[in-house]
């Protein structure tokens, strides 16, 4: 089982990976802020920004197939929001603006998360005085996300071992049942974790 799907390439050896985590976080937020605030009429700014990000991706040695796959995985959410603008005046202009801006922001975050280990990102948040509770919630969510995936994979293997005929209807029914079982099990696990943490002094 792979448990590094979020930051699979964050521990490679490259000039980008060796940069301080704080600097990468600061530059990433600066890029996102500039992408959101700069008028879309300044097209050369966005072209230069895209070229710079592609250059960073090349220097970081992260496989292009992985980066494109992650971008295509997240892009439908941005396109779904952007489609709503097509029904207003100058809809195509706003559609392109949202798609370009969101793509740049998503690509920036994908690069940042895959050139910096998640533990280093949490350390940067602690140093910048982000509330400790929020950092702890992020750390726990990151840790137990893999536990949830393991649980889902076990349920899926159990379903496949007991299902000999597959139809679309049976597949959807099984999937709905699997999601329900996963929700119940994750809720029970959350209760046990909460009880264990409070018994050790957490508030």
C-alpha atoms as a PDB file:
ATOM      1  CA  UNK A   1       0.000   0.000   0.000  1.00  0.00           C
ATOM      2  CA  UNK A   2       1.276   3.447  -0.880  1.00  0.00           C
ATOM      3  CA  UNK A   3       1.004   5.968   1.922  1.00  0.00           C
ATOM      4  CA  UNK A   4       2.783   8.831   0.187  1.00  0.00           C
ATOM      5  CA  UNK A   5       0.236   9.802  -2.432  1.00  0.00           C
ATOM      6  CA  UNK A   6      -0.046  13.350  -1.022  1.00  0.00           C
ATOM      7  CA  UNK A   7       3.675  14.209  -0.998  1.00  0.00           C
ATOM      8  CA  UNK A   8       5.165  11.256  -2.849  1.00  0.00           C
ATOM      9  CA  UNK A   9       8.151  13.171  -4.247  1.00  0.00           C
ATOM     10  CA  UNK A  10       8.745  15.545  -1.339  1.00  0.00           C
ATOM     11  CA  UNK A  11      12.027  13.891  -0.351  1.00  0.00           C
ATOM     12  CA  UNK A  12      13.828  13.921  -3.669  1.00  0.00           C
ATOM     13  CA  UNK A  13      17.279  15.469  -4.045  1.00  0.00           C
ATOM     14  CA  UNK A  14      17.044  18.642  -6.102  1.00  0.00           C
ATOM     15  CA  UNK A  15      17.862  22.355  -5.698  1.00  0.00           C
ATOM     16  CA  UNK A  16      14.172  23.087  -5.107  1.00  0.00           C
ATOM     17  CA  UNK A  17      13.848  20.421  -2.423  1.00  0.00           C
ATOM     18  CA  UNK A  18      16.880  21.792  -0.592  1.00  0.00           C
ATOM     19  CA  UNK A  19      15.404  25.270  -0.252  1.00  0.00           C
ATOM     20  CA  UNK A  20      14.085  26.217   3.220  1.00  0.00           C
ATOM     21  CA  UNK A  21      10.485  25.190   3.757  1.00  0.00           C
ATOM     22  CA  UNK A  22       9.558  28.654   5.003  1.00  0.00           C
ATOM     23  CA  UNK A  23      10.843  30.280   1.821  1.00  0.00           C
ATOM     24  CA  UNK A  24       8.860  27.878  -0.359  1.00  0.00           C
ATOM     25  CA  UNK A  25       5.667  28.495   1.610  1.00  0.00           C
ATOM     26  CA  UNK A  26       6.167  32.273   1.409  1.00  0.00           C
ATOM     27  CA  UNK A  27       6.809  32.196  -2.347  1.00  0.00           C
ATOM     28  CA  UNK A  28       3.823  29.912  -2.898  1.00  0.00           C
ATOM     29  CA  UNK A  29       1.451  32.253  -1.075  1.00  0.00           C
ATOM     30  CA  UNK A  30       2.961  35.225  -2.916  1.00  0.00           C
ATOM     31  CA  UNK A  31       2.321  33.516  -6.259  1.00  0.00           C
ATOM     32  CA  UNK A  32      -1.261  32.691  -5.275  1.00  0.00           C
ATOM     33  CA  UNK A  33      -1.887  36.251  -4.064  1.00  0.00           C
ATOM     34  CA  UNK A  34      -0.460  37.709  -7.278  1.00  0.00           C
ATOM     35  CA  UNK A  35      -2.440  35.269  -9.405  1.00  0.00           C
ATOM     36  CA  UNK A  36      -5.679  36.279  -7.718  1.00  0.00           C
ATOM     37  CA  UNK A  37      -5.105  40.047  -7.671  1.00  0.00           C
ATOM     38  CA  UNK A  38      -3.370  40.839 -10.983  1.00  0.00           C
ATOM     39  CA  UNK A  39      -5.900  41.781 -13.692  1.00  0.00           C
ATOM     40  CA  UNK A  40      -6.386  39.134 -16.348  1.00  0.00           C
ATOM     41  CA  UNK A  41      -5.623  41.698 -19.058  1.00  0.00           C
ATOM     42  CA  UNK A  42      -1.924  41.357 -18.113  1.00  0.00           C
ATOM     43  CA  UNK A  43      -1.642  38.127 -20.060  1.00  0.00           C
ATOM     44  CA  UNK A  44       2.147  38.241 -20.264  1.00  0.00           C
ATOM     45  CA  UNK A  45       2.287  38.094 -16.482  1.00  0.00           C
ATOM     46  CA  UNK A  46       0.363  34.831 -16.458  1.00  0.00           C
ATOM     47  CA  UNK A  47       2.422  33.433 -19.339  1.00  0.00           C
ATOM     48  CA  UNK A  48       5.650  34.280 -17.498  1.00  0.00           C
ATOM     49  CA  UNK A  49       4.282  32.806 -14.282  1.00  0.00           C
ATOM     50  CA  UNK A  50       3.310  29.553 -16.016  1.00  0.00           C
ATOM     51  CA  UNK A  51       6.743  29.332 -17.632  1.00  0.00           C
ATOM     52  CA  UNK A  52       8.418  29.897 -14.259  1.00  0.00           C
ATOM     53  CA  UNK A  53       6.368  27.154 -12.615  1.00  0.00           C
ATOM     54  CA  UNK A  54       7.193  24.733 -15.425  1.00  0.00           C
ATOM     55  CA  UNK A  55      10.872  25.598 -14.963  1.00  0.00           C
ATOM     56  CA  UNK A  56      10.600  24.898 -11.223  1.00  0.00           C
ATOM     57  CA  UNK A  57       8.920  21.566 -11.976  1.00  0.00           C
ATOM     58  CA  UNK A  58      11.757  20.609 -14.323  1.00  0.00           C
ATOM     59  CA  UNK A  59      14.459  21.571 -11.818  1.00  0.00           C
ATOM     60  CA  UNK A  60      12.643  19.720  -9.010  1.00  0.00           C
ATOM     61  CA  UNK A  61      12.825  16.455 -11.036  1.00  0.00           C
ATOM     62  CA  UNK A  62       9.244  15.536 -10.193  1.00  0.00           C
ATOM     63  CA  UNK A  63       7.877  13.329 -13.002  1.00  0.00           C
ATOM     64  CA  UNK A  64       5.743  15.308 -15.433  1.00  0.00           C
ATOM     65  CA  UNK A  65       3.224  12.476 -15.617  1.00  0.00           C
ATOM     66  CA  UNK A  66       2.609  12.713 -11.873  1.00  0.00           C
ATOM     67  CA  UNK A  67       2.175  16.510 -11.933  1.00  0.00           C
ATOM     68  CA  UNK A  68      -0.178  16.430 -14.921  1.00  0.00           C
ATOM     69  CA  UNK A  69      -2.169  13.588 -13.382  1.00  0.00           C
ATOM     70  CA  UNK A  70      -2.632  15.493 -10.118  1.00  0.00           C
ATOM     71  CA  UNK A  71      -3.603  18.622 -12.019  1.00  0.00           C
ATOM     72  CA  UNK A  72      -6.197  16.754 -14.092  1.00  0.00           C
ATOM     73  CA  UNK A  73      -7.523  15.170 -10.905  1.00  0.00           C
ATOM     74  CA  UNK A  74      -8.200  18.574  -9.308  1.00  0.00           C
ATOM     75  CA  UNK A  75      -9.014  20.625 -12.397  1.00  0.00           C
ATOM     76  CA  UNK A  76     -12.644  19.428 -12.815  1.00  0.00           C
ATOM     77  CA  UNK A  77     -13.593  21.190  -9.561  1.00  0.00           C
ATOM     78  CA  UNK A  78     -12.244  24.503 -10.882  1.00  0.00           C
ATOM     79  CA  UNK A  79     -13.878  24.016 -14.280  1.00  0.00           C
ATOM     80  CA  UNK A  80     -17.178  23.158 -12.598  1.00  0.00           C
ATOM     81  CA  UNK A  81     -17.140  26.506 -10.795  1.00  0.00           C
ATOM     82  CA  UNK A  82     -15.975  28.390 -13.895  1.00  0.00           C
ATOM     83  CA  UNK A  83     -18.794  26.985 -16.058  1.00  0.00           C
ATOM     84  CA  UNK A  84     -21.295  29.007 -14.032  1.00  0.00           C
ATOM     85  CA  UNK A  85     -19.769  32.217 -15.412  1.00  0.00           C
ATOM     86  CA  UNK A  86     -20.605  31.259 -19.006  1.00  0.00           C
ATOM     87  CA  UNK A  87     -24.224  32.290 -18.421  1.00  0.00           C
ATOM     88  CA  UNK A  88     -23.420  35.951 -17.767  1.00  0.00           C
ATOM     89  CA  UNK A  89     -22.173  38.845 -19.880  1.00  0.00           C
ATOM     90  CA  UNK A  90     -18.573  38.310 -21.098  1.00  0.00           C
ATOM     91  CA  UNK A  91     -18.864  34.793 -19.740  1.00  0.00           C
ATOM     92  CA  UNK A  92     -16.046  33.374 -21.871  1.00  0.00           C
ATOM     93  CA  UNK A  93     -13.639  36.008 -20.533  1.00  0.00           C
ATOM     94  CA  UNK A  94     -14.495  35.213 -16.917  1.00  0.00           C
ATOM     95  CA  UNK A  95     -14.423  31.489 -17.641  1.00  0.00           C
ATOM     96  CA  UNK A  96     -10.881  31.677 -19.011  1.00  0.00           C
ATOM     97  CA  UNK A  97      -9.824  33.943 -16.162  1.00  0.00           C
ATOM     98  CA  UNK A  98     -11.048  31.528 -13.489  1.00  0.00           C
ATOM     99  CA  UNK A  99      -9.618  28.458 -15.224  1.00  0.00           C
ATOM    100  CA  UNK A 100      -6.176  30.032 -15.749  1.00  0.00           C
ATOM    101  CA  UNK A 101      -5.974  31.448 -12.230  1.00  0.00           C
ATOM    102  CA  UNK A 102      -7.169  28.246 -10.570  1.00  0.00           C
ATOM    103  CA  UNK A 103      -4.815  26.116 -12.659  1.00  0.00           C
ATOM    104  CA  UNK A 104      -1.826  28.250 -11.648  1.00  0.00           C
ATOM    105  CA  UNK A 105      -2.841  28.135  -7.971  1.00  0.00           C
ATOM    106  CA  UNK A 106      -3.387  24.377  -8.044  1.00  0.00           C
ATOM    107  CA  UNK A 107      -0.097  23.750  -9.813  1.00  0.00           C
ATOM    108  CA  UNK A 108       1.696  25.955  -7.289  1.00  0.00           C
ATOM    109  CA  UNK A 109       0.274  23.993  -4.356  1.00  0.00           C
ATOM    110  CA  UNK A 110       1.070  20.656  -6.025  1.00  0.00           C
ATOM    111  CA  UNK A 111       4.677  21.749  -6.484  1.00  0.00           C
ATOM    112  CA  UNK A 112       4.917  23.087  -2.932  1.00  0.00           C
ATOM    113  CA  UNK A 113       3.491  19.918  -1.364  1.00  0.00           C
ATOM    114  CA  UNK A 114       5.738  17.651  -3.429  1.00  0.00           C
ATOM    115  CA  UNK A 115       8.944  19.552  -2.799  1.00  0.00           C
ATOM    116  CA  UNK A 116       8.410  19.939   0.959  1.00  0.00           C
ATOM    117  CA  UNK A 117       7.594  17.125   3.423  1.00  0.00           C
ATOM    118  CA  UNK A 118       4.311  17.664   5.224  1.00  0.00           C
ATOM    119  CA  UNK A 119       6.046  17.639   8.609  1.00  0.00           C
ATOM    120  CA  UNK A 120       8.181  20.588   7.481  1.00  0.00           C
ATOM    121  CA  UNK A 121       5.073  22.473   6.392  1.00  0.00           C
ATOM    122  CA  UNK A 122       3.556  21.935   9.830  1.00  0.00           C
ATOM    123  CA  UNK A 123       6.750  23.210  11.437  1.00  0.00           C
ATOM    124  CA  UNK A 124       6.529  26.364   9.321  1.00  0.00           C
ATOM    125  CA  UNK A 125       2.952  26.881  10.505  1.00  0.00           C
ATOM    126  CA  UNK A 126       4.056  26.507  14.128  1.00  0.00           C
ATOM    127  CA  UNK A 127       6.861  29.056  13.673  1.00  0.00           C
ATOM    128  CA  UNK A 128       4.498  31.549  12.074  1.00  0.00           C
ATOM    129  CA  UNK A 129       2.262  31.419  15.178  1.00  0.00           C
ATOM    130  CA  UNK A 130      -0.640  29.603  13.527  1.00  0.00           C
ATOM    131  CA  UNK A 131      -2.933  28.396  16.357  1.00  0.00           C
ATOM    132  CA  UNK A 132      -1.561  25.157  17.785  1.00  0.00           C
ATOM    133  CA  UNK A 133      -5.008  23.533  17.692  1.00  0.00           C
ATOM    134  CA  UNK A 134      -5.269  24.097  13.947  1.00  0.00           C
ATOM    135  CA  UNK A 135      -1.798  22.639  13.354  1.00  0.00           C
ATOM    136  CA  UNK A 136      -2.672  19.622  15.504  1.00  0.00           C
ATOM    137  CA  UNK A 137      -5.886  19.037  13.566  1.00  0.00           C
ATOM    138  CA  UNK A 138      -3.935  19.150  10.290  1.00  0.00           C
ATOM    139  CA  UNK A 139      -1.351  16.690  11.638  1.00  0.00           C
ATOM    140  CA  UNK A 140      -4.046  14.283  12.842  1.00  0.00           C
ATOM    141  CA  UNK A 141      -5.978  14.553   9.581  1.00  0.00           C
ATOM    142  CA  UNK A 142      -2.804  13.790   7.620  1.00  0.00           C
ATOM    143  CA  UNK A 143      -1.956  10.854   9.861  1.00  0.00           C
ATOM    144  CA  UNK A 144      -5.379   9.216   9.981  1.00  0.00           C
ATOM    145  CA  UNK A 145      -6.175   9.782   6.317  1.00  0.00           C
ATOM    146  CA  UNK A 146      -3.891   6.837   5.567  1.00  0.00           C
ATOM    147  CA  UNK A 147      -5.658   4.743   8.222  1.00  0.00           C
ATOM    148  CA  UNK A 148      -8.958   5.545   6.519  1.00  0.00           C
ATOM    149  CA  UNK A 149      -7.533   4.524   3.144  1.00  0.00           C
ATOM    150  CA  UNK A 150      -6.269   1.239   4.604  1.00  0.00           C
ATOM    151  CA  UNK A 151      -9.725   0.563   6.019  1.00  0.00           C
ATOM    152  CA  UNK A 152     -11.329   1.296   2.674  1.00  0.00           C
ATOM    153  CA  UNK A 153      -8.913  -0.991   0.846  1.00  0.00           C
ATOM    154  CA  UNK A 154      -9.635  -3.831   3.284  1.00  0.00           C
ATOM    155  CA  UNK A 155     -13.375  -3.418   2.785  1.00  0.00           C
ATOM    156  CA  UNK A 156     -12.932  -3.357  -0.968  1.00  0.00           C
ATOM    157  CA  UNK A 157     -10.833  -6.522  -0.969  1.00  0.00           C
ATOM    158  CA  UNK A 158     -13.426  -8.267   1.209  1.00  0.00           C
ATOM    159  CA  UNK A 159     -16.188  -7.214  -1.185  1.00  0.00           C
ATOM    160  CA  UNK A 160     -14.290  -8.453  -4.237  1.00  0.00           C
ATOM    161  CA  UNK A 161     -13.540 -11.785  -2.597  1.00  0.00           C
ATOM    162  CA  UNK A 162     -17.262 -12.347  -2.018  1.00  0.00           C
ATOM    163  CA  UNK A 163     -18.548 -11.027  -5.362  1.00  0.00           C
ATOM    164  CA  UNK A 164     -18.298 -13.316  -8.372  1.00  0.00           C
ATOM    165  CA  UNK A 165     -20.671 -11.533 -10.746  1.00  0.00           C
ATOM    166  CA  UNK A 166     -20.307  -7.823 -11.413  1.00  0.00           C
ATOM    167  CA  UNK A 167     -22.975  -5.645 -12.969  1.00  0.00           C
ATOM    168  CA  UNK A 168     -23.358  -1.893 -12.891  1.00  0.00           C
ATOM    169  CA  UNK A 169     -26.266  -2.114 -10.468  1.00  0.00           C
ATOM    170  CA  UNK A 170     -24.440  -4.515  -8.154  1.00  0.00           C
ATOM    171  CA  UNK A 171     -21.315  -2.366  -8.317  1.00  0.00           C
ATOM    172  CA  UNK A 172     -23.161   0.791  -7.277  1.00  0.00           C
ATOM    173  CA  UNK A 173     -25.015  -1.013  -4.483  1.00  0.00           C
ATOM    174  CA  UNK A 174     -21.758  -2.486  -3.197  1.00  0.00           C
ATOM    175  CA  UNK A 175     -20.070   0.895  -3.389  1.00  0.00           C
ATOM    176  CA  UNK A 176     -22.854   2.557  -1.409  1.00  0.00           C
ATOM    177  CA  UNK A 177     -22.647  -0.202   1.211  1.00  0.00           C
ATOM    178  CA  UNK A 178     -18.854   0.146   1.378  1.00  0.00           C
ATOM    179  CA  UNK A 179     -19.078   3.913   1.902  1.00  0.00           C
ATOM    180  CA  UNK A 180     -21.634   3.422   4.675  1.00  0.00           C
ATOM    181  CA  UNK A 181     -19.493   0.836   6.441  1.00  0.00           C
ATOM    182  CA  UNK A 182     -16.430   3.037   6.076  1.00  0.00           C
ATOM    183  CA  UNK A 183     -18.295   5.971   7.618  1.00  0.00           C
ATOM    184  CA  UNK A 184     -19.440   3.861  10.575  1.00  0.00           C
ATOM    185  CA  UNK A 185     -15.984   2.400  11.169  1.00  0.00           C
ATOM    186  CA  UNK A 186     -14.257   5.782  10.879  1.00  0.00           C
ATOM    187  CA  UNK A 187     -16.732   7.303  13.359  1.00  0.00           C
ATOM    188  CA  UNK A 188     -16.105   4.484  15.838  1.00  0.00           C
ATOM    189  CA  UNK A 189     -12.344   4.851  15.387  1.00  0.00           C
ATOM    190  CA  UNK A 190     -12.611   8.605  15.921  1.00  0.00           C
ATOM    191  CA  UNK A 191     -14.467   8.027  19.185  1.00  0.00           C
ATOM    192  CA  UNK A 192     -11.783   5.605  20.380  1.00  0.00           C
ATOM    193  CA  UNK A 193      -9.003   8.013  19.435  1.00  0.00           C
ATOM    194  CA  UNK A 194     -10.782  10.876  21.201  1.00  0.00           C
ATOM    195  CA  UNK A 195     -11.193   8.791  24.359  1.00  0.00           C
ATOM    196  CA  UNK A 196      -7.545   7.739  24.261  1.00  0.00           C
ATOM    197  CA  UNK A 197      -6.361  11.334  23.826  1.00  0.00           C
ATOM    198  CA  UNK A 198      -8.531  12.739  26.625  1.00  0.00           C
ATOM    199  CA  UNK A 199      -7.345   9.974  28.958  1.00  0.00           C
ATOM    200  CA  UNK A 200      -3.778  11.191  28.294  1.00  0.00           C
ATOM    201  CA  UNK A 201      -4.481  14.799  29.201  1.00  0.00           C
ATOM    202  CA  UNK A 202      -5.604  16.331  25.888  1.00  0.00           C
ATOM    203  CA  UNK A 203      -8.219  19.041  26.121  1.00  0.00           C
END
